[in-house]
Amino acid sequence: MFVPSLPGKLASAFHPIYLFLLNKWYFDELYDFLFVRPC
């Protein structure tokens, strides 16, 4: 509300962490690699 530019700056500064959270800790990708593709 007050500093709307702040989220974008934080996402850029901590981009790997942001992607880690955005991709839900990569559980889907991990399961895809371990179970879905081999099956």
All heavy atoms as atom14 arrays in JSON, in Angstrom:
{
  "sequence": "MFVPSLPGKLASAFHPIYLFLLNKWYFDELYDFLFVRPC",
  "atom14_mask": [
    [1, 1, 1, 1, 1, 1, 1, 1, 0, 0, 0, 0, 0, 0],
    [1, 1, 1, 1, 1, 1, 1, 1, 1, 1, 1, 0, 0, 0],
    [1, 1, 1, 1, 1, 1, 1, 0, 0, 0, 0, 0, 0, 0],
    [1, 1, 1, 1, 1, 1, 1, 0, 0, 0, 0, 0, 0, 0],
    [1, 1, 1, 1, 1, 1, 0, 0, 0, 0, 0, 0, 0, 0],
    [1, 1, 1, 1, 1, 1, 1, 1, 0, 0, 0, 0, 0, 0],
    [1, 1, 1, 1, 1, 1, 1, 0, 0, 0, 0, 0, 0, 0],
    [1, 1, 1, 1, 0, 0, 0, 0, 0, 0, 0, 0, 0, 0],
    [1, 1, 1, 1, 1, 1, 1, 1, 1, 0, 0, 0, 0, 0],
    [1, 1, 1, 1, 1, 1, 1, 1, 0, 0, 0, 0, 0, 0],
    [1, 1, 1, 1, 1, 0, 0, 0, 0, 0, 0, 0, 0, 0],
    [1, 1, 1, 1, 1, 1, 0, 0, 0, 0, 0, 0, 0, 0],
    [1, 1, 1, 1, 1, 0, 0, 0, 0, 0, 0, 0, 0, 0],
    [1, 1, 1, 1, 1, 1, 1, 1, 1, 1, 1, 0, 0, 0],
    [1, 1, 1, 1, 1, 1, 1, 1, 1, 1, 0, 0, 0, 0],
    [1, 1, 1, 1, 1, 1, 1, 0, 0, 0, 0, 0, 0, 0],
    [1, 1, 1, 1, 1, 1, 1, 1, 0, 0, 0, 0, 0, 0],
    [1, 1, 1, 1, 1, 1, 1, 1, 1, 1, 1, 1, 0, 0],
    [1, 1, 1, 1, 1, 1, 1, 1, 0, 0, 0, 0, 0, 0],
    [1, 1, 1, 1, 1, 1, 1, 1, 1, 1, 1, 0, 0, 0],
    [1, 1, 1, 1, 1, 1, 1, 1, 0, 0, 0, 0, 0, 0],
    [1, 1, 1, 1, 1, 1, 1, 1, 0, 0, 0, 0, 0, 0],
    [1, 1, 1, 1, 1, 1, 1, 1, 0, 0, 0, 0, 0, 0],
    [1, 1, 1, 1, 1, 1, 1, 1, 1, 0, 0, 0, 0, 0],
    [1, 1, 1, 1, 1, 1, 1, 1, 1, 1, 1, 1, 1, 1],
    [1, 1, 1, 1, 1, 1, 1, 1, 1, 1, 1, 1, 0, 0],
    [1, 1, 1, 1, 1, 1, 1, 1, 1, 1, 1, 0, 0, 0],
    [1, 1, 1, 1, 1, 1, 1, 1, 0, 0, 0, 0, 0, 0],
    [1, 1, 1, 1, 1, 1, 1, 1, 1, 0, 0, 0, 0, 0],
    [1, 1, 1, 1, 1, 1, 1, 1, 0, 0, 0, 0, 0, 0],
    [1, 1, 1, 1, 1, 1, 1, 1, 1, 1, 1, 1, 0, 0],
    [1, 1, 1, 1, 1, 1, 1, 1, 0, 0, 0, 0, 0, 0],
    [1, 1, 1, 1, 1, 1, 1, 1, 1, 1, 1, 0, 0, 0],
    [1, 1, 1, 1, 1, 1, 1, 1, 0, 0, 0, 0, 0, 0],
    [1, 1, 1, 1, 1, 1, 1, 1, 1, 1, 1, 0, 0, 0],
    [1, 1, 1, 1, 1, 1, 1, 0, 0, 0, 0, 0, 0, 0],
    [1, 1, 1, 1, 1, 1, 1, 1, 1, 1, 1, 0, 0, 0],
    [1, 1, 1, 1, 1, 1, 1, 0, 0, 0, 0, 0, 0, 0],
    [1, 1, 1, 1, 1, 1, 0, 0, 0, 0, 0, 0, 0, 0]
  ],
  "atom14_positions": [
    [[0.82, -1.2, 0.0], [0.0, 0.0, 0.0], [0.86, 1.26, 0.0], [0.66, 2.17, -0.81], [-0.92, 0.01, 1.22], [-1.89, 1.18, 1.26], [-3.24, 1.03, 0.05], [-4.35, -0.05, 0.96], [0.0, 0.0, 0.0], [0.0, 0.0, 0.0], [0.0, 0.0, 0.0], [0.0, 0.0, 0.0], [0.0, 0.0, 0.0], [0.0, 0.0, 0.0]],
    [[1.85, 1.31, 0.9], [2.63, 2.55, 1.08], [3.88, 2.59, 0.2], [4.25, 3.65, -0.3], [3.01, 2.72, 2.55], [1.82, 2.69, 3.48], [1.84, 1.95, 4.64], [0.67, 3.41, 3.18], [0.75, 1.92, 5.49], [-0.43, 3.39, 4.03], [-0.39, 2.63, 5.18], [0.0, 0.0, 0.0], [0.0, 0.0, 0.0], [0.0, 0.0, 0.0]],
    [[4.56, 1.44, 0.02], [5.77, 1.39, -0.82], [5.6, 0.25, -1.82], [6.25, -0.8, -1.72], [7.05, 1.18, 0.01], [8.29, 1.42, -0.85], [7.08, 2.09, 1.23], [0.0, 0.0, 0.0], [0.0, 0.0, 0.0], [0.0, 0.0, 0.0], [0.0, 0.0, 0.0], [0.0, 0.0, 0.0], [0.0, 0.0, 0.0], [0.0, 0.0, 0.0]],
    [[4.74, 0.4, -2.81], [4.42, -0.71, -3.71], [5.57, -1.18, -4.58], [5.5, -2.26, -5.18], [3.27, -0.16, -4.57], [3.39, 1.32, -4.46], [3.94, 1.6, -3.1], [0.0, 0.0, 0.0], [0.0, 0.0, 0.0], [0.0, 0.0, 0.0], [0.0, 0.0, 0.0], [0.0, 0.0, 0.0], [0.0, 0.0, 0.0], [0.0, 0.0, 0.0]],
    [[6.63, -0.41, -4.64], [7.8, -0.85, -5.43], [8.67, -1.84, -4.66], [9.52, -2.51, -5.25], [8.65, 0.37, -5.82], [9.14, 1.04, -4.65], [0.0, 0.0, 0.0], [0.0, 0.0, 0.0], [0.0, 0.0, 0.0], [0.0, 0.0, 0.0], [0.0, 0.0, 0.0], [0.0, 0.0, 0.0], [0.0, 0.0, 0.0], [0.0, 0.0, 0.0]],
    [[8.46, -1.93, -3.36], [9.32, -2.77, -2.52], [9.25, -4.25, -2.86], [10.3, -4.91, -2.92], [8.97, -2.53, -1.04], [9.89, -3.18, 0.0], [11.33, -2.73, -0.2], [9.42, -2.8, 1.42], [0.0, 0.0, 0.0], [0.0, 0.0, 0.0], [0.0, 0.0, 0.0], [0.0, 0.0, 0.0], [0.0, 0.0, 0.0], [0.0, 0.0, 0.0]],
    [[8.07, -4.86, -3.09], [8.03, -6.3, -3.42], [8.86, -6.66, -4.64], [9.57, -7.67, -4.64], [6.54, -6.55, -3.65], [5.84, -5.52, -2.85], [6.71, -4.31, -2.96], [0.0, 0.0, 0.0], [0.0, 0.0, 0.0], [0.0, 0.0, 0.0], [0.0, 0.0, 0.0], [0.0, 0.0, 0.0], [0.0, 0.0, 0.0], [0.0, 0.0, 0.0]],
    [[8.8, -5.83, -5.69], [9.58, -6.1, -6.89], [11.07, -6.04, -6.63], [11.84, -6.87, -7.14], [0.0, 0.0, 0.0], [0.0, 0.0, 0.0], [0.0, 0.0, 0.0], [0.0, 0.0, 0.0], [0.0, 0.0, 0.0], [0.0, 0.0, 0.0], [0.0, 0.0, 0.0], [0.0, 0.0, 0.0], [0.0, 0.0, 0.0], [0.0, 0.0, 0.0]],
    [[11.51, -5.07, -5.82], [12.93, -4.96, -5.48], [13.4, -6.16, -4.68], [14.49, -6.7, -4.93], [13.18, -3.67, -4.71], [12.95, -2.39, -5.52], [13.18, -1.15, -4.68], [12.93, 0.12, -5.5], [13.1, 1.35, -4.68], [0.0, 0.0, 0.0], [0.0, 0.0, 0.0], [0.0, 0.0, 0.0], [0.0, 0.0, 0.0], [0.0, 0.0, 0.0]],
    [[12.57, -6.59, -3.72], [12.95, -7.76, -2.91], [12.99, -9.02, -3.77], [13.88, -9.86, -3.6], [11.95, -7.93, -1.76], [12.02, -6.89, -0.64], [10.89, -7.1, 0.36], [13.37, -6.97, 0.08], [0.0, 0.0, 0.0], [0.0, 0.0, 0.0], [0.0, 0.0, 0.0], [0.0, 0.0, 0.0], [0.0, 0.0, 0.0], [0.0, 0.0, 0.0]],
    [[12.03, -9.15, -4.69], [12.02, -10.33, -5.56], [13.26, -10.38, -6.44], [13.8, -11.45, -6.72], [10.76, -10.33, -6.42], [0.0, 0.0, 0.0], [0.0, 0.0, 0.0], [0.0, 0.0, 0.0], [0.0, 0.0, 0.0], [0.0, 0.0, 0.0], [0.0, 0.0, 0.0], [0.0, 0.0, 0.0], [0.0, 0.0, 0.0], [0.0, 0.0, 0.0]],
    [[13.71, -9.2, -6.89], [14.93, -9.15, -7.71], [16.18, -9.4, -6.88], [17.09, -10.12, -7.31], [15.03, -7.79, -8.4], [13.93, -7.58, -9.25], [0.0, 0.0, 0.0], [0.0, 0.0, 0.0], [0.0, 0.0, 0.0], [0.0, 0.0, 0.0], [0.0, 0.0, 0.0], [0.0, 0.0, 0.0], [0.0, 0.0, 0.0], [0.0, 0.0, 0.0]],
    [[16.23, -8.82, -5.67], [17.4, -8.98, -4.82], [17.56, -10.42, -4.32], [18.68, -10.9, -4.16], [17.31, -8.01, -3.64], [0.0, 0.0, 0.0], [0.0, 0.0, 0.0], [0.0, 0.0, 0.0], [0.0, 0.0, 0.0], [0.0, 0.0, 0.0], [0.0, 0.0, 0.0], [0.0, 0.0, 0.0], [0.0, 0.0, 0.0], [0.0, 0.0, 0.0]],
    [[16.44, -11.08, -4.06], [16.47, -12.46, -3.56], [15.78, -13.38, -4.57], [14.88, -14.15, -4.21], [15.78, -12.54, -2.19], [16.4, -11.66, -1.15], [15.87, -10.4, -0.87], [17.53, -12.07, -0.45], [16.43, -9.58, 0.09], [18.11, -11.25, 0.51], [17.56, -10.01, 0.78], [0.0, 0.0, 0.0], [0.0, 0.0, 0.0], [0.0, 0.0, 0.0]],
    [[16.21, -13.26, -5.82], [15.52, -13.97, -6.9], [15.49, -15.49, -6.7], [14.44, -16.11, -6.93], [16.16, -13.61, -8.23], [15.33, -14.02, -9.41], [14.05, -13.55, -9.63], [15.59, -14.89, -10.43], [13.56, -14.09, -10.73], [14.47, -14.91, -11.24], [0.0, 0.0, 0.0], [0.0, 0.0, 0.0], [0.0, 0.0, 0.0], [0.0, 0.0, 0.0]],
    [[16.6, -16.14, -6.31], [16.54, -17.59, -6.11], [15.53, -18.01, -5.04], [14.8, -18.99, -5.22], [17.97, -17.95, -5.69], [18.81, -16.86, -6.24], [17.97, -15.63, -6.14], [0.0, 0.0, 0.0], [0.0, 0.0, 0.0], [0.0, 0.0, 0.0], [0.0, 0.0, 0.0], [0.0, 0.0, 0.0], [0.0, 0.0, 0.0], [0.0, 0.0, 0.0]],
    [[15.47, -17.24, -3.95], [14.51, -17.57, -2.89], [13.09, -17.34, -3.39], [12.18, -18.15, -3.14], [14.77, -16.71, -1.63], [16.16, -17.04, -1.07], [13.69, -16.93, -0.58], [16.56, -16.17, 0.11], [0.0, 0.0, 0.0], [0.0, 0.0, 0.0], [0.0, 0.0, 0.0], [0.0, 0.0, 0.0], [0.0, 0.0, 0.0], [0.0, 0.0, 0.0]],
    [[12.9, -16.25, -4.14], [11.57, -15.96, -4.69], [11.1, -17.08, -5.61], [9.96, -17.55, -5.52], [11.61, -14.63, -5.44], [10.34, -14.31, -6.19], [9.19, -13.9, -5.51], [10.28, -14.43, -7.59], [8.02, -13.62, -6.19], [9.12, -14.15, -8.28], [7.98, -13.75, -7.57], [6.83, -13.48, -8.25], [0.0, 0.0, 0.0], [0.0, 0.0, 0.0]],
    [[12.0, -17.55, -6.49], [11.64, -18.65, -7.39], [11.37, -19.94, -6.61], [10.48, -20.71, -6.96], [12.74, -18.88, -8.41], [12.88, -17.84, -9.52], [14.03, -18.21, -10.45], [11.58, -17.73, -10.32], [0.0, 0.0, 0.0], [0.0, 0.0, 0.0], [0.0, 0.0, 0.0], [0.0, 0.0, 0.0], [0.0, 0.0, 0.0], [0.0, 0.0, 0.0]],
    [[12.17, -20.15, -5.56], [11.99, -21.34, -4.73], [10.59, -21.36, -4.12], [9.91, -22.4, -4.12], [13.05, -21.34, -3.63], [12.99, -22.52, -2.71], [13.34, -23.79, -3.14], [12.59, -22.37, -1.38], [13.28, -24.88, -2.29], [12.53, -23.45, -0.52], [12.88, -24.71, -0.97], [0.0, 0.0, 0.0], [0.0, 0.0, 0.0], [0.0, 0.0, 0.0]],
    [[10.13, -20.22, -3.63], [8.8, -20.14, -3.03], [7.72, -20.15, -4.1], [6.67, -20.79, -3.94], [8.68, -18.87, -2.19], [9.64, -18.76, -1.0], [9.41, -17.46, -0.25], [9.49, -19.94, -0.05], [0.0, 0.0, 0.0], [0.0, 0.0, 0.0], [0.0, 0.0, 0.0], [0.0, 0.0, 0.0], [0.0, 0.0, 0.0], [0.0, 0.0, 0.0]],
    [[7.95, -19.44, -5.21], [6.96, -19.38, -6.28], [6.69, -20.77, -6.86], [5.55, -21.09, -7.22], [7.43, -18.43, -7.38], [6.44, -18.15, -8.51], [5.23, -17.4, -7.98], [7.13, -17.35, -9.62], [0.0, 0.0, 0.0], [0.0, 0.0, 0.0], [0.0, 0.0, 0.0], [0.0, 0.0, 0.0], [0.0, 0.0, 0.0], [0.0, 0.0, 0.0]],
    [[7.74, -21.58, -6.9], [7.61, -22.95, -7.42], [7.32, -23.97, -6.33], [7.53, -25.17, -6.54], [8.86, -23.34, -8.2], [8.98, -22.61, -9.52], [8.3, -22.92, -10.48], [9.85, -21.6, -9.55], [0.0, 0.0, 0.0], [0.0, 0.0, 0.0], [0.0, 0.0, 0.0], [0.0, 0.0, 0.0], [0.0, 0.0, 0.0], [0.0, 0.0, 0.0]],
    [[6.86, -23.47, -5.18], [6.36, -24.34, -4.09], [7.42, -25.33, -3.6], [7.15, -26.51, -3.42], [5.1, -25.08, -4.56], [3.95, -24.17, -4.96], [2.91, -24.87, -5.79], [3.42, -25.09, -7.19], [2.4, -25.62, -8.12], [0.0, 0.0, 0.0], [0.0, 0.0, 0.0], [0.0, 0.0, 0.0], [0.0, 0.0, 0.0], [0.0, 0.0, 0.0]],
    [[8.62, -24.81, -3.41], [9.75, -25.6, -2.94], [10.13, -26.71, -3.92], [10.8, -27.67, -3.57], [9.48, -26.19, -1.55], [9.43, -25.21, -0.42], [9.14, -23.88, -0.49], [9.64, -25.47, 0.96], [9.16, -23.31, 0.74], [9.47, -24.25, 1.67], [9.95, -26.62, 1.69], [9.6, -24.16, 3.05], [10.09, -26.55, 3.07], [9.92, -25.33, 3.74]],
    [[9.69, -26.62, -5.14], [10.01, -27.56, -6.22], [9.59, -29.0, -5.92], [10.19, -29.95, -6.44], [11.51, -27.51, -6.54], [11.93, -26.21, -7.19], [12.6, -25.24, -6.46], [11.64, -25.95, -8.53], [12.98, -24.03, -7.05], [12.01, -24.75, -9.12], [12.68, -23.8, -8.37], [13.05, -22.61, -8.97], [0.0, 0.0, 0.0], [0.0, 0.0, 0.0]],
    [[8.56, -29.17, -5.12], [8.09, -30.53, -4.85], [7.55, -31.18, -6.12], [7.81, -32.37, -6.37], [7.0, -30.51, -3.77], [7.53, -30.63, -2.38], [7.65, -29.52, -1.56], [7.91, -31.86, -1.88], [8.14, -29.63, -0.26], [8.4, -31.98, -0.59], [8.51, -30.87, 0.22], [0.0, 0.0, 0.0], [0.0, 0.0, 0.0], [0.0, 0.0, 0.0]],
    [[6.8, -30.44, -6.92], [6.23, -31.02, -8.14], [7.34, -31.44, -9.1], [7.28, -32.52, -9.7], [5.3, -30.01, -8.82], [3.96, -29.91, -8.13], [3.37, -30.97, -7.83], [3.49, -28.79, -7.89], [0.0, 0.0, 0.0], [0.0, 0.0, 0.0], [0.0, 0.0, 0.0], [0.0, 0.0, 0.0], [0.0, 0.0, 0.0], [0.0, 0.0, 0.0]],
    [[8.35, -30.58, -9.24], [9.46, -30.91, -10.13], [10.24, -32.12, -9.61], [10.66, -32.98, -10.41], [10.39, -29.7, -10.27], [9.82, -28.54, -11.08], [8.81, -27.71, -10.29], [8.62, -27.97, -9.09], [8.21, -26.79, -10.88], [0.0, 0.0, 0.0], [0.0, 0.0, 0.0], [0.0, 0.0, 0.0], [0.0, 0.0, 0.0], [0.0, 0.0, 0.0]],
    [[10.42, -32.18, -8.29], [11.13, -33.31, -7.7], [10.37, -34.61, -7.92], [10.95, -35.63, -8.33], [11.33, -33.07, -6.2], [12.03, -34.19, -5.41], [13.45, -34.39, -5.92], [12.03, -33.88, -3.92], [0.0, 0.0, 0.0], [0.0, 0.0, 0.0], [0.0, 0.0, 0.0], [0.0, 0.0, 0.0], [0.0, 0.0, 0.0], [0.0, 0.0, 0.0]],
    [[9.07, -34.59, -7.68], [8.25, -35.79, -7.88], [8.18, -36.17, -9.36], [8.14, -37.36, -9.7], [6.84, -35.57, -7.33], [6.77, -35.53, -5.83], [5.59, -35.18, -5.17], [7.88, -35.82, -5.04], [5.52, -35.14, -3.78], [7.82, -35.77, -3.67], [6.64, -35.42, -3.04], [6.58, -35.39, -1.67], [0.0, 0.0, 0.0], [0.0, 0.0, 0.0]],
    [[8.17, -35.16, -10.22], [8.17, -35.43, -11.65], [9.44, -36.17, -12.05], [9.4, -37.11, -12.85], [8.04, -34.11, -12.41], [7.83, -34.33, -13.9], [6.83, -34.97, -14.25], [8.66, -33.85, -14.69], [0.0, 0.0, 0.0], [0.0, 0.0, 0.0], [0.0, 0.0, 0.0], [0.0, 0.0, 0.0], [0.0, 0.0, 0.0], [0.0, 0.0, 0.0]],
    [[10.58, -35.75, -11.47], [11.87, -36.38, -11.78], [11.98, -37.78, -11.17], [12.46, -38.72, -11.82], [13.01, -35.48, -11.28], [14.37, -36.1, -11.42], [14.98, -36.17, -12.67], [15.05, -36.63, -10.32], [16.24, -36.74, -12.81], [16.3, -37.2, -10.45], [16.89, -37.26, -11.7], [0.0, 0.0, 0.0], [0.0, 0.0, 0.0], [0.0, 0.0, 0.0]],
    [[11.53, -37.93, -9.92], [11.72, -39.19, -9.21], [10.68, -40.25, -9.57], [11.0, -41.45, -9.61], [11.68, -38.95, -7.69], [12.83, -38.15, -7.09], [12.61, -37.96, -5.59], [14.16, -38.85, -7.33], [0.0, 0.0, 0.0], [0.0, 0.0, 0.0], [0.0, 0.0, 0.0], [0.0, 0.0, 0.0], [0.0, 0.0, 0.0], [0.0, 0.0, 0.0]],
    [[9.44, -39.83, -9.81], [8.36, -40.8, -9.96], [7.65, -40.74, -11.32], [7.47, -41.77, -11.97], [7.32, -40.59, -8.84], [7.89, -40.68, -7.46], [7.92, -39.57, -6.63], [8.43, -41.87, -6.98], [8.45, -39.64, -5.36], [8.96, -41.95, -5.71], [8.97, -40.84, -4.89], [0.0, 0.0, 0.0], [0.0, 0.0, 0.0], [0.0, 0.0, 0.0]],
    [[7.26, -39.52, -11.72], [6.41, -39.41, -12.91], [7.15, -39.84, -14.17], [6.69, -40.72, -14.92], [5.86, -37.98, -13.06], [5.03, -37.87, -14.34], [5.03, -37.61, -11.85], [0.0, 0.0, 0.0], [0.0, 0.0, 0.0], [0.0, 0.0, 0.0], [0.0, 0.0, 0.0], [0.0, 0.0, 0.0], [0.0, 0.0, 0.0], [0.0, 0.0, 0.0]],
    [[8.33, -39.26, -14.42], [9.06, -39.6, -15.65], [9.52, -41.05, -15.67], [9.36, -41.72, -16.71], [10.25, -38.65, -15.8], [9.84, -37.22, -16.11], [11.05, -36.33, -16.28], [10.66, -34.92, -16.4], [11.54, -33.92, -16.47], [12.85, -34.18, -16.41], [11.11, -32.67, -16.57], [0.0, 0.0, 0.0], [0.0, 0.0, 0.0], [0.0, 0.0, 0.0]],
    [[10.1, -41.6, -14.59], [10.43, -43.03, -14.62], [9.22, -43.92, -14.87], [9.32, -44.9, -15.62], [11.03, -43.28, -13.22], [11.56, -41.97, -12.8], [10.61, -40.96, -13.35], [0.0, 0.0, 0.0], [0.0, 0.0, 0.0], [0.0, 0.0, 0.0], [0.0, 0.0, 0.0], [0.0, 0.0, 0.0], [0.0, 0.0, 0.0], [0.0, 0.0, 0.0]],
    [[8.08, -43.58, -14.27], [6.86, -44.38, -14.51], [6.41, -44.26, -15.95], [5.97, -45.25, -16.55], [5.75, -43.93, -13.56], [5.98, -44.46, -11.86], [0.0, 0.0, 0.0], [0.0, 0.0, 0.0], [0.0, 0.0, 0.0], [0.0, 0.0, 0.0], [0.0, 0.0, 0.0], [0.0, 0.0, 0.0], [0.0, 0.0, 0.0], [0.0, 0.0, 0.0]]
  ]
}
